[in-house]
C-alpha cells in the first residue's frame, strides 16, 4: 500500500530565503488544491542536525519528497513556485482547468457501446 508522501522542508528560522520558500510551497499546494496530497513536515536544521546529516542536507532551504521511507525527489534552494511545482508534479492533482476540460469533453468513441 502506498503511503501518503511526506514533503520535508528543511529550513532555518533566521533565513529570509526559507520564509519565502515556505510561501512558495503554500502557493503551489493551494493553487492546485493539494493541501492533503502531502504531509508537510517542517524541520529546523538547528533543532535536528542529526536528521539533516542523515539526509545529507548541505544548505537550506531544501525540500525532499519521501514516500515509503525512500527519498523520491530533492530540491535545494528553490528560487520560486515553478521549481517547486516541477519537483512535486508527479504527485500533484492536475490544474483545475484541465479537470474541467476533461469533464466537459465527450467520451472517446470507442468507449460508447453501440
PDB file of N, CA and C in Angstrom:
ATOM      1  N   UNK A   1       0.837  -1.184   0.000  1.00  0.00           N
ATOM      2  CA  UNK A   1       0.000   0.000   0.000  1.00  0.00           C
ATOM      3  C   UNK A   1       0.878   1.241   0.000  1.00  0.00           C
ATOM      4  N   UNK A   2       0.563   2.207  -0.874  1.00  0.00           N
ATOM      5  CA  UNK A   2       1.310   3.452  -0.960  1.00  0.00           C
ATOM      6  C   UNK A   2       0.958   4.348   0.223  1.00  0.00           C
ATOM      7  N   UNK A   3       1.974   4.855   0.883  1.00  0.00           N
ATOM      8  CA  UNK A   3       1.752   5.807   1.962  1.00  0.00           C
ATOM      9  C   UNK A   3       1.650   7.209   1.379  1.00  0.00           C
ATOM     10  N   UNK A   4       0.977   8.087   2.119  1.00  0.00           N
ATOM     11  CA  UNK A   4       0.925   9.487   1.720  1.00  0.00           C
ATOM     12  C   UNK A   4       2.359  10.020   1.726  1.00  0.00           C
ATOM     13  N   UNK A   5       2.788  10.654   0.640  1.00  0.00           N
ATOM     14  CA  UNK A   5       4.157  11.172   0.620  1.00  0.00           C
ATOM     15  C   UNK A   5       4.326  12.296   1.631  1.00  0.00           C
ATOM     16  N   UNK A   6       5.522  12.391   2.152  1.00  0.00           N
ATOM     17  CA  UNK A   6       5.864  13.476   3.075  1.00  0.00           C
ATOM     18  C   UNK A   6       6.717  14.477   2.317  1.00  0.00           C
ATOM     19  N   UNK A   7       6.393  15.722   2.506  1.00  0.00           N
ATOM     20  CA  UNK A   7       7.196  16.796   1.950  1.00  0.00           C
ATOM     21  C   UNK A   7       7.995  17.370   3.113  1.00  0.00           C
ATOM     22  N   UNK A   8       9.292  17.034   3.143  1.00  0.00           N
ATOM     23  CA  UNK A   8      10.156  17.514   4.214  1.00  0.00           C
ATOM     24  C   UNK A   8      10.748  18.852   3.796  1.00  0.00           C
ATOM     25  N   UNK A   9      10.560  19.848   4.640  1.00  0.00           N
ATOM     26  CA  UNK A   9      11.048  21.194   4.388  1.00  0.00           C
ATOM     27  C   UNK A   9      12.112  21.509   5.438  1.00  0.00           C
ATOM     28  N   UNK A  10      13.378  21.414   5.034  1.00  0.00           N
ATOM     29  CA  UNK A  10      14.488  21.743   5.924  1.00  0.00           C
ATOM     30  C   UNK A  10      14.739  23.245   5.818  1.00  0.00           C
ATOM     31  N   UNK A  11      14.733  23.911   6.974  1.00  0.00           N
ATOM     32  CA  UNK A  11      14.839  25.361   6.977  1.00  0.00           C
ATOM     33  C   UNK A  11      15.604  25.856   8.198  1.00  0.00           C
ATOM     34  N   UNK A  12      15.875  27.147   8.186  1.00  0.00           N
ATOM     35  CA  UNK A  12      16.425  27.843   9.344  1.00  0.00           C
ATOM     36  C   UNK A  12      15.487  29.003   9.650  1.00  0.00           C
ATOM     37  N   UNK A  13      15.052  29.159  10.888  1.00  0.00           N
ATOM     38  CA  UNK A  13      14.117  30.237  11.226  1.00  0.00           C
ATOM     39  C   UNK A  13      14.696  31.635  10.966  1.00  0.00           C
ATOM     40  N   UNK A  14      16.004  31.768  10.928  1.00  0.00           N
ATOM     41  CA  UNK A  14      16.631  33.065  10.710  1.00  0.00           C
ATOM     42  C   UNK A  14      16.768  33.422   9.233  1.00  0.00           C
ATOM     43  N   UNK A  15      16.451  32.523   8.334  1.00  0.00           N
ATOM     44  CA  UNK A  15      16.692  32.724   6.909  1.00  0.00           C
ATOM     45  C   UNK A  15      15.481  33.325   6.198  1.00  0.00           C
ATOM     46  N   UNK A  16      15.684  34.476   5.577  1.00  0.00           N
ATOM     47  CA  UNK A  16      14.627  35.087   4.768  1.00  0.00           C
ATOM     48  C   UNK A  16      14.281  34.229   3.566  1.00  0.00           C
ATOM     49  N   UNK A  17      15.283  33.596   2.972  1.00  0.00           N
ATOM     50  CA  UNK A  17      15.044  32.710   1.816  1.00  0.00           C
ATOM     51  C   UNK A  17      14.136  31.550   2.221  1.00  0.00           C
ATOM     52  N   UNK A  18      14.326  31.023   3.415  1.00  0.00           N
ATOM     53  CA  UNK A  18      13.473  29.920   3.888  1.00  0.00           C
ATOM     54  C   UNK A  18      12.040  30.388   4.087  1.00  0.00           C
ATOM     55  N   UNK A  19      11.858  31.595   4.610  1.00  0.00           N
ATOM     56  CA  UNK A  19      10.496  32.119   4.789  1.00  0.00           C
ATOM     57  C   UNK A  19       9.813  32.310   3.433  1.00  0.00           C
ATOM     58  N   UNK A  20      10.546  32.801   2.449  1.00  0.00           N
ATOM     59  CA  UNK A  20       9.969  32.950   1.104  1.00  0.00           C
ATOM     60  C   UNK A  20       9.604  31.589   0.522  1.00  0.00           C
ATOM     61  N   UNK A  21      10.485  30.611   0.720  1.00  0.00           N
ATOM     62  CA  UNK A  21      10.225  29.264   0.199  1.00  0.00           C
ATOM     63  C   UNK A  21       8.971  28.679   0.828  1.00  0.00           C
ATOM     64  N   UNK A  22       8.756  28.923   2.102  1.00  0.00           N
ATOM     65  CA  UNK A  22       7.544  28.426   2.752  1.00  0.00           C
ATOM     66  C   UNK A  22       6.302  29.015   2.092  1.00  0.00           C
ATOM     67  N   UNK A  23       6.379  30.283   1.721  1.00  0.00           N
ATOM     68  CA  UNK A  23       5.272  30.907   0.993  1.00  0.00           C
ATOM     69  C   UNK A  23       5.074  30.294  -0.380  1.00  0.00           C
ATOM     70  N   UNK A  24       6.178  29.980  -1.077  1.00  0.00           N
ATOM     71  CA  UNK A  24       6.084  29.341  -2.394  1.00  0.00           C
ATOM     72  C   UNK A  24       5.410  27.979  -2.271  1.00  0.00           C
ATOM     73  N   UNK A  25       5.785  27.210  -1.256  1.00  0.00           N
ATOM     74  CA  UNK A  25       5.187  25.882  -1.045  1.00  0.00           C
ATOM     75  C   UNK A  25       3.678  26.023  -0.861  1.00  0.00           C
ATOM     76  N   UNK A  26       3.276  26.938   0.012  1.00  0.00           N
ATOM     77  CA  UNK A  26       1.849  27.146   0.275  1.00  0.00           C
ATOM     78  C   UNK A  26       1.117  27.542  -1.004  1.00  0.00           C
ATOM     79  N   UNK A  27       1.735  28.398  -1.801  1.00  0.00           N
ATOM     80  CA  UNK A  27       1.108  28.852  -3.039  1.00  0.00           C
ATOM     81  C   UNK A  27       0.920  27.700  -4.026  1.00  0.00           C
ATOM     82  N   UNK A  28       1.929  26.861  -4.189  1.00  0.00           N
ATOM     83  CA  UNK A  28       1.835  25.727  -5.112  1.00  0.00           C
ATOM     84  C   UNK A  28       0.748  24.756  -4.650  1.00  0.00           C
ATOM     85  N   UNK A  29       0.727  24.434  -3.378  1.00  0.00           N
ATOM     86  CA  UNK A  29      -0.266  23.482  -2.878  1.00  0.00           C
ATOM     87  C   UNK A  29      -1.680  24.060  -2.934  1.00  0.00           C
ATOM     88  N   UNK A  30      -1.813  25.355  -2.661  1.00  0.00           N
ATOM     89  CA  UNK A  30      -3.130  25.978  -2.693  1.00  0.00           C
ATOM     90  C   UNK A  30      -3.649  26.098  -4.118  1.00  0.00           C
ATOM     91  N   UNK A  31      -2.790  26.513  -5.034  1.00  0.00           N
ATOM     92  CA  UNK A  31      -3.199  26.733  -6.420  1.00  0.00           C
ATOM     93  C   UNK A  31      -3.749  25.453  -7.031  1.00  0.00           C
ATOM     94  N   UNK A  32      -3.166  24.337  -6.713  1.00  0.00           N
ATOM     95  CA  UNK A  32      -3.576  23.072  -7.330  1.00  0.00           C
ATOM     96  C   UNK A  32      -4.487  22.256  -6.409  1.00  0.00           C
ATOM     97  N   UNK A  33      -4.929  22.839  -5.291  1.00  0.00           N
ATOM     98  CA  UNK A  33      -5.810  22.167  -4.337  1.00  0.00           C
ATOM     99  C   UNK A  33      -5.202  20.845  -3.845  1.00  0.00           C
ATOM    100  N   UNK A  34      -3.954  20.930  -3.404  1.00  0.00           N
ATOM    101  CA  UNK A  34      -3.220  19.743  -2.970  1.00  0.00           C
ATOM    102  C   UNK A  34      -2.820  19.784  -1.496  1.00  0.00           C
ATOM    103  N   UNK A  35      -3.617  20.457  -0.667  1.00  0.00           N
ATOM    104  CA  UNK A  35      -3.252  20.568   0.746  1.00  0.00           C
ATOM    105  C   UNK A  35      -3.141  19.204   1.419  1.00  0.00           C
ATOM    106  N   UNK A  36      -3.925  18.238   0.964  1.00  0.00           N
ATOM    107  CA  UNK A  36      -3.909  16.915   1.599  1.00  0.00           C
ATOM    108  C   UNK A  36      -3.072  15.893   0.839  1.00  0.00           C
ATOM    109  N   UNK A  37      -2.414  16.311  -0.238  1.00  0.00           N
ATOM    110  CA  UNK A  37      -1.611  15.388  -1.026  1.00  0.00           C
ATOM    111  C   UNK A  37      -0.372  14.958  -0.263  1.00  0.00           C
ATOM    112  N   UNK A  38       0.228  15.892   0.464  1.00  0.00           N
ATOM    113  CA  UNK A  38       1.461  15.636   1.209  1.00  0.00           C
ATOM    114  C   UNK A  38       1.231  15.870   2.688  1.00  0.00           C
ATOM    115  N   UNK A  39       2.007  15.181   3.480  1.00  0.00           N
ATOM    116  CA  UNK A  39       2.123  15.534   4.896  1.00  0.00           C
ATOM    117  C   UNK A  39       3.348  16.441   4.955  1.00  0.00           C
ATOM    118  N   UNK A  40       3.127  17.726   5.155  1.00  0.00           N
ATOM    119  CA  UNK A  40       4.213  18.709   5.187  1.00  0.00           C
ATOM    120  C   UNK A  40       4.882  18.665   6.554  1.00  0.00           C
ATOM    121  N   UNK A  41       6.191  18.423   6.553  1.00  0.00           N
ATOM    122  CA  UNK A  41       6.957  18.346   7.795  1.00  0.00           C
ATOM    123  C   UNK A  41       8.050  19.414   7.745  1.00  0.00           C
ATOM    124  N   UNK A  42       7.958  20.390   8.627  1.00  0.00           N
ATOM    125  CA  UNK A  42       8.959  21.452   8.708  1.00  0.00           C
ATOM    126  C   UNK A  42      10.036  21.026   9.697  1.00  0.00           C
ATOM    127  N   UNK A  43      11.296  21.082   9.264  1.00  0.00           N
ATOM    128  CA  UNK A  43      12.397  20.621  10.111  1.00  0.00           C
ATOM    129  C   UNK A  43      13.441  21.730  10.195  1.00  0.00           C
ATOM    130  N   UNK A  44      13.589  22.311  11.371  1.00  0.00           N
ATOM    131  CA  UNK A  44      14.621  23.323  11.596  1.00  0.00           C
ATOM    132  C   UNK A  44      15.958  22.593  11.771  1.00  0.00           C
ATOM    133  N   UNK A  45      16.911  22.909  10.907  1.00  0.00           N
ATOM    134  CA  UNK A  45      18.186  22.179  10.947  1.00  0.00           C
ATOM    135  C   UNK A  45      18.924  22.395  12.266  1.00  0.00           C
ATOM    136  N   UNK A  46      18.703  23.534  12.910  1.00  0.00           N
ATOM    137  CA  UNK A  46      19.353  23.780  14.207  1.00  0.00           C
ATOM    138  C   UNK A  46      18.807  22.851  15.289  1.00  0.00           C
ATOM    139  N   UNK A  47      17.556  22.458  15.165  1.00  0.00           N
ATOM    140  CA  UNK A  47      16.933  21.577  16.155  1.00  0.00           C
ATOM    141  C   UNK A  47      17.143  20.101  15.843  1.00  0.00           C
ATOM    142  N   UNK A  48      17.354  19.751  14.572  1.00  0.00           N
ATOM    143  CA  UNK A  48      17.533  18.353  14.176  1.00  0.00           C
ATOM    144  C   UNK A  48      18.758  18.176  13.292  1.00  0.00           C
ATOM    145  N   UNK A  49      19.957  18.533  13.791  1.00  0.00           N
ATOM    146  CA  UNK A  49      21.157  18.360  12.962  1.00  0.00           C
ATOM    147  C   UNK A  49      21.410  16.898  12.601  1.00  0.00           C
ATOM    148  N   UNK A  50      20.958  15.977  13.462  1.00  0.00           N
ATOM    149  CA  UNK A  50      21.127  14.553  13.187  1.00  0.00           C
ATOM    150  C   UNK A  50      20.361  14.137  11.934  1.00  0.00           C
ATOM    151  N   UNK A  51      19.135  14.623  11.801  1.00  0.00           N
ATOM    152  CA  UNK A  51      18.315  14.298  10.648  1.00  0.00           C
ATOM    153  C   UNK A  51      18.863  14.970   9.387  1.00  0.00           C
ATOM    154  N   UNK A  52      19.316  16.203   9.539  1.00  0.00           N
ATOM    155  CA  UNK A  52      19.913  16.908   8.405  1.00  0.00           C
ATOM    156  C   UNK A  52      21.159  16.162   7.915  1.00  0.00           C
ATOM    157  N   UNK A  53      21.953  15.663   8.830  1.00  0.00           N
ATOM    158  CA  UNK A  53      23.156  14.918   8.442  1.00  0.00           C
ATOM    159  C   UNK A  53      22.784  13.593   7.784  1.00  0.00           C
ATOM    160  N   UNK A  54      21.831  12.890   8.358  1.00  0.00           N
ATOM    161  CA  UNK A  54      21.398  11.603   7.815  1.00  0.00           C
ATOM    162  C   UNK A  54      20.901  11.741   6.375  1.00  0.00           C
ATOM    163  N   UNK A  55      20.180  12.824   6.092  1.00  0.00           N
ATOM    164  CA  UNK A  55      19.603  13.025   4.766  1.00  0.00           C
ATOM    165  C   UNK A  55      20.482  13.911   3.878  1.00  0.00           C
ATOM    166  N   UNK A  56      21.702  14.174   4.339  1.00  0.00           N
ATOM    167  CA  UNK A  56      22.707  14.930   3.576  1.00  0.00           C
ATOM    168  C   UNK A  56      22.202  16.316   3.152  1.00  0.00           C
ATOM    169  N   UNK A  57      21.645  17.028   4.111  1.00  0.00           N
ATOM    170  CA  UNK A  57      21.191  18.390   3.858  1.00  0.00           C
ATOM    171  C   UNK A  57      22.402  19.302   4.040  1.00  0.00           C
ATOM    172  N   UNK A  58      22.844  19.910   2.945  1.00  0.00           N
ATOM    173  CA  UNK A  58      24.029  20.768   2.961  1.00  0.00           C
ATOM    174  C   UNK A  58      23.660  22.230   3.142  1.00  0.00           C
ATOM    175  N   UNK A  59      22.490  22.619   2.640  1.00  0.00           N
ATOM    176  CA  UNK A  59      22.082  24.012   2.655  1.00  0.00           C
ATOM    177  C   UNK A  59      20.570  24.103   2.823  1.00  0.00           C
ATOM    178  N   UNK A  60      20.113  25.246   3.305  1.00  0.00           N
ATOM    179  CA  UNK A  60      18.673  25.473   3.453  1.00  0.00           C
ATOM    180  C   UNK A  60      18.287  26.672   2.612  1.00  0.00           C
ATOM    181  N   UNK A  61      17.090  26.677   2.117  1.00  0.00           N
ATOM    182  CA  UNK A  61      16.054  25.656   2.244  1.00  0.00           C
ATOM    183  C   UNK A  61      16.293  24.475   1.304  1.00  0.00           C
ATOM    184  N   UNK A  62      15.900  23.303   1.773  1.00  0.00           N
ATOM    185  CA  UNK A  62      15.933  22.093   0.954  1.00  0.00           C
ATOM    186  C   UNK A  62      14.602  21.372   1.139  1.00  0.00           C
ATOM    187  N   UNK A  63      14.057  20.885   0.029  1.00  0.00           N
ATOM    188  CA  UNK A  63      12.812  20.116   0.048  1.00  0.00           C
ATOM    189  C   UNK A  63      13.098  18.681  -0.368  1.00  0.00           C
ATOM    190  N   UNK A  64      12.500  17.743   0.349  1.00  0.00           N
ATOM    191  CA  UNK A  64      12.583  16.330  -0.013  1.00  0.00           C
ATOM    192  C   UNK A  64      11.175  15.765  -0.058  1.00  0.00           C
ATOM    193  N   UNK A  65      10.904  14.932  -1.051  1.00  0.00           N
ATOM    194  CA  UNK A  65       9.664  14.161  -1.072  1.00  0.00           C
ATOM    195  C   UNK A  65      10.052  12.746  -0.679  1.00  0.00           C
ATOM    196  N   UNK A  66       9.454  12.263   0.413  1.00  0.00           N
ATOM    197  CA  UNK A  66       9.745  10.922   0.916  1.00  0.00           C
ATOM    198  C   UNK A  66       8.454  10.115   0.864  1.00  0.00           C
ATOM    199  N   UNK A  67       8.545   8.959   0.206  1.00  0.00           N
ATOM    200  CA  UNK A  67       7.387   8.067   0.117  1.00  0.00           C
ATOM    201  C   UNK A  67       7.865   6.655   0.400  1.00  0.00           C
ATOM    202  N   UNK A  68       7.155   5.988   1.286  1.00  0.00           N
ATOM    203  CA  UNK A  68       7.521   4.626   1.697  1.00  0.00           C
ATOM    204  C   UNK A  68       8.978   4.574   2.170  1.00  0.00           C
ATOM    205  N   UNK A  69       9.373   5.595   2.927  1.00  0.00           N
ATOM    206  CA  UNK A  69      10.700   5.687   3.559  1.00  0.00           C
ATOM    207  C   UNK A  69      11.835   5.829   2.547  1.00  0.00           C
ATOM    208  N   UNK A  70      11.522   6.225   1.317  1.00  0.00           N
ATOM    209  CA  UNK A  70      12.530   6.419   0.280  1.00  0.00           C
ATOM    210  C   UNK A  70      12.444   7.860  -0.214  1.00  0.00           C
ATOM    211  N   UNK A  71      13.601   8.518  -0.326  1.00  0.00           N
ATOM    212  CA  UNK A  71      13.634   9.868  -0.877  1.00  0.00           C
ATOM    213  C   UNK A  71      13.379   9.762  -2.377  1.00  0.00           C
ATOM    214  N   UNK A  72      12.260  10.324  -2.826  1.00  0.00           N
ATOM    215  CA  UNK A  72      11.858  10.245  -4.235  1.00  0.00           C
ATOM    216  C   UNK A  72      12.261  11.474  -5.034  1.00  0.00           C
ATOM    217  N   UNK A  73      12.432  12.625  -4.337  1.00  0.00           N
ATOM    218  CA  UNK A  73      12.785  13.859  -5.041  1.00  0.00           C
ATOM    219  C   UNK A  73      13.455  14.813  -4.057  1.00  0.00           C
ATOM    220  N   UNK A  74      14.334  15.680  -4.597  1.00  0.00           N
ATOM    221  CA  UNK A  74      15.080  16.634  -3.772  1.00  0.00           C
ATOM    222  C   UNK A  74      15.231  17.935  -4.549  1.00  0.00           C
ATOM    223  N   UNK A  75      15.088  19.048  -3.835  1.00  0.00           N
ATOM    224  CA  UNK A  75      15.297  20.374  -4.427  1.00  0.00           C
ATOM    225  C   UNK A  75      15.998  21.242  -3.395  1.00  0.00           C
ATOM    226  N   UNK A  76      17.148  21.753  -3.782  1.00  0.00           N
ATOM    227  CA  UNK A  76      17.932  22.608  -2.905  1.00  0.00           C
ATOM    228  C   UNK A  76      17.807  24.050  -3.351  1.00  0.00           C
ATOM    229  N   UNK A  77      17.572  24.930  -2.409  1.00  0.00           N
ATOM    230  CA  UNK A  77      17.469  26.370  -2.636  1.00  0.00           C
ATOM    231  C   UNK A  77      16.520  26.735  -3.783  1.00  0.00           C
ATOM    232  N   UNK A  78      15.235  26.363  -3.661  1.00  0.00           N
ATOM    233  CA  UNK A  78      14.287  26.728  -4.716  1.00  0.00           C
ATOM    234  C   UNK A  78      14.180  28.246  -4.835  1.00  0.00           C
ATOM    235  N   UNK A  79      14.041  28.703  -6.058  1.00  0.00           N
ATOM    236  CA  UNK A  79      14.002  30.143  -6.319  1.00  0.00           C
ATOM    237  C   UNK A  79      12.576  30.653  -6.536  1.00  0.00           C
ATOM    238  N   UNK A  80      11.613  29.743  -6.681  1.00  0.00           N
ATOM    239  CA  UNK A  80      10.247  30.185  -6.905  1.00  0.00           C
ATOM    240  C   UNK A  80       9.276  29.033  -7.021  1.00  0.00           C
ATOM    241  N   UNK A  81       8.030  29.382  -7.287  1.00  0.00           N
ATOM    242  CA  UNK A  81       6.956  28.381  -7.367  1.00  0.00           C
ATOM    243  C   UNK A  81       7.173  27.381  -8.487  1.00  0.00           C
ATOM    244  N   UNK A  82       7.669  27.844  -9.624  1.00  0.00           N
ATOM    245  CA  UNK A  82       7.812  26.963 -10.782  1.00  0.00           C
ATOM    246  C   UNK A  82       8.714  25.768 -10.466  1.00  0.00           C
ATOM    247  N   UNK A  83       9.845  26.002  -9.799  1.00  0.00           N
ATOM    248  CA  UNK A  83      10.752  24.896  -9.453  1.00  0.00           C
ATOM    249  C   UNK A  83      10.082  23.913  -8.503  1.00  0.00           C
ATOM    250  N   UNK A  84       9.349  24.436  -7.537  1.00  0.00           N
ATOM    251  CA  UNK A  84       8.675  23.574  -6.562  1.00  0.00           C
ATOM    252  C   UNK A  84       7.575  22.768  -7.246  1.00  0.00           C
ATOM    253  N   UNK A  85       6.822  23.420  -8.119  1.00  0.00           N
ATOM    254  CA  UNK A  85       5.760  22.723  -8.849  1.00  0.00           C
ATOM    255  C   UNK A  85       6.342  21.610  -9.720  1.00  0.00           C
ATOM    256  N   UNK A  86       7.469  21.866 -10.359  1.00  0.00           N
ATOM    257  CA  UNK A  86       8.126  20.846 -11.177  1.00  0.00           C
ATOM    258  C   UNK A  86       8.554  19.664 -10.315  1.00  0.00           C
ATOM    259  N   UNK A  87       9.100  19.942  -9.146  1.00  0.00           N
ATOM    260  CA  UNK A  87       9.516  18.877  -8.217  1.00  0.00           C
ATOM    261  C   UNK A  87       8.325  18.017  -7.808  1.00  0.00           C
ATOM    262  N   UNK A  88       7.204  18.671  -7.497  1.00  0.00           N
ATOM    263  CA  UNK A  88       6.040  17.971  -6.944  1.00  0.00           C
ATOM    264  C   UNK A  88       5.079  17.430  -8.000  1.00  0.00           C
ATOM    265  N   UNK A  89       5.299  17.765  -9.261  1.00  0.00           N
ATOM    266  CA  UNK A  89       4.361  17.426 -10.342  1.00  0.00           C
ATOM    267  C   UNK A  89       3.892  15.966 -10.340  1.00  0.00           C
ATOM    268  N   UNK A  90       4.781  14.974 -10.102  1.00  0.00           N
ATOM    269  CA  UNK A  90       4.292  13.582 -10.138  1.00  0.00           C
ATOM    270  C   UNK A  90       3.196  13.285  -9.114  1.00  0.00           C
ATOM    271  N   UNK A  91       3.089  14.082  -8.071  1.00  0.00           N
ATOM    272  CA  UNK A  91       2.111  13.828  -7.016  1.00  0.00           C
ATOM    273  C   UNK A  91       0.942  14.801  -7.040  1.00  0.00           C
ATOM    274  N   UNK A  92       1.065  15.903  -7.756  1.00  0.00           N
ATOM    275  CA  UNK A  92       0.043  16.944  -7.738  1.00  0.00           C
ATOM    276  C   UNK A  92      -1.167  16.564  -8.580  1.00  0.00           C
ATOM    277  N   UNK A  93      -2.319  17.069  -8.165  1.00  0.00           N
ATOM    278  CA  UNK A  93      -3.530  16.938  -8.977  1.00  0.00           C
ATOM    279  C   UNK A  93      -3.357  17.805 -10.207  1.00  0.00           C
ATOM    280  N   UNK A  94      -4.032  17.456 -11.307  1.00  0.00           N
ATOM    281  CA  UNK A  94      -3.937  18.315 -12.498  1.00  0.00           C
ATOM    282  C   UNK A  94      -4.546  19.676 -12.190  1.00  0.00           C
ATOM    283  N   UNK A  95      -4.148  20.701 -12.943  1.00  0.00           N
ATOM    284  CA  UNK A  95      -4.742  22.027 -12.736  1.00  0.00           C
ATOM    285  C   UNK A  95      -6.254  21.971 -12.890  1.00  0.00           C
ATOM    286  N   UNK A  96      -6.935  22.834 -12.202  1.00  0.00           N
ATOM    287  CA  UNK A  96      -8.393  22.845 -12.209  1.00  0.00           C
ATOM    288  C   UNK A  96      -8.951  22.989 -13.619  1.00  0.00           C
ATOM    289  N   UNK A  97      -8.330  23.811 -14.471  1.00  0.00           N
ATOM    290  CA  UNK A  97      -8.802  23.978 -15.849  1.00  0.00           C
ATOM    291  C   UNK A  97      -8.739  22.652 -16.607  1.00  0.00           C
ATOM    292  N   UNK A  98      -7.684  21.870 -16.393  1.00  0.00           N
ATOM    293  CA  UNK A  98      -7.560  20.575 -17.068  1.00  0.00           C
ATOM    294  C   UNK A  98      -8.646  19.623 -16.593  1.00  0.00           C
ATOM    295  N   UNK A  99      -8.958  19.664 -15.294  1.00  0.00           N
ATOM    296  CA  UNK A  99     -10.014  18.805 -14.761  1.00  0.00           C
ATOM    297  C   UNK A  99     -11.361  19.182 -15.362  1.00  0.00           C
ATOM    298  N   UNK A 100     -11.633  20.501 -15.476  1.00  0.00           N
ATOM    299  CA  UNK A 100     -12.901  20.953 -16.035  1.00  0.00           C
ATOM    300  C   UNK A 100     -13.009  20.593 -17.511  1.00  0.00           C
ATOM    301  N   UNK A 101     -11.923  20.750 -18.261  1.00  0.00           N
ATOM    302  CA  UNK A 101     -11.934  20.415 -19.684  1.00  0.00           C
ATOM    303  C   UNK A 101     -12.160  18.920 -19.880  1.00  0.00           C
ATOM    304  N   UNK A 102     -11.532  18.113 -19.019  1.00  0.00           N
ATOM    305  CA  UNK A 102     -11.689  16.662 -19.107  1.00  0.00           C
ATOM    306  C   UNK A 102     -13.142  16.266 -18.839  1.00  0.00           C
ATOM    307  N   UNK A 103     -13.769  16.913 -17.862  1.00  0.00           N
ATOM    308  CA  UNK A 103     -15.151  16.594 -17.513  1.00  0.00           C
ATOM    309  C   UNK A 103     -16.114  17.035 -18.615  1.00  0.00           C
ATOM    310  N   UNK A 104     -15.782  18.124 -19.323  1.00  0.00           N
ATOM    311  CA  UNK A 104     -16.665  18.656 -20.356  1.00  0.00           C
ATOM    312  C   UNK A 104     -16.512  17.944 -21.696  1.00  0.00           C
ATOM    313  N   UNK A 105     -15.393  17.272 -21.917  1.00  0.00           N
ATOM    314  CA  UNK A 105     -15.162  16.634 -23.212  1.00  0.00           C
ATOM    315  C   UNK A 105     -15.970  15.338 -23.322  1.00  0.00           C
ATOM    316  N   UNK A 106     -16.434  15.024 -24.527  1.00  0.00           N
ATOM    317  CA  UNK A 106     -17.203  13.789 -24.709  1.00  0.00           C
ATOM    318  C   UNK A 106     -16.289  12.571 -24.561  1.00  0.00           C
ATOM    319  N   UNK A 107     -16.835  11.433 -24.199  1.00  0.00           N
ATOM    320  CA  UNK A 107     -16.021  10.226 -24.071  1.00  0.00           C
ATOM    321  C   UNK A 107     -15.485   9.809 -25.428  1.00  0.00           C
ATOM    322  N   UNK A 108     -14.370   9.088 -25.465  1.00  0.00           N
ATOM    323  CA  UNK A 108     -13.841   8.595 -26.741  1.00  0.00           C
ATOM    324  C   UNK A 108     -14.892   7.705 -27.413  1.00  0.00           C
ATOM    325  N   UNK A 109     -14.887   7.716 -28.733  1.00  0.00           N
ATOM    326  CA  UNK A 109     -15.922   6.974 -29.483  1.00  0.00           C
ATOM    327  C   UNK A 109     -15.847   5.480 -29.252  1.00  0.00           C
ATOM    328  N   UNK A 110     -14.658   4.944 -28.989  1.00  0.00           N
ATOM    329  CA  UNK A 110     -14.564   3.507 -28.766  1.00  0.00           C
ATOM    330  C   UNK A 110     -15.125   3.099 -27.408  1.00  0.00           C
ATOM    331  N   UNK A 111     -15.399   4.071 -26.534  1.00  0.00           N
ATOM    332  CA  UNK A 111     -15.953   3.764 -25.214  1.00  0.00           C
ATOM    333  C   UNK A 111     -17.467   3.719 -25.229  1.00  0.00           C
ATOM    334  N   UNK A 112     -18.068   4.146 -26.330  1.00  0.00           N
ATOM    335  CA  UNK A 112     -19.521   4.180 -26.421  1.00  0.00           C
ATOM    336  C   UNK A 112     -20.017   2.829 -26.941  1.00  0.00           C
ATOM    337  N   UNK A 113     -20.863   2.201 -26.158  1.00  0.00           N
ATOM    338  CA  UNK A 113     -21.421   0.912 -26.579  1.00  0.00           C
ATOM    339  C   UNK A 113     -22.504   1.156 -27.626  1.00  0.00           C
ATOM    340  N   UNK A 114     -22.523   0.373 -28.641  1.00  0.00           N
ATOM    341  CA  UNK A 114     -23.489   0.633 -29.693  1.00  0.00           C
ATOM    342  C   UNK A 114     -24.286  -0.526 -29.972  1.00  0.00           C
TER     343      UNK A 114
END
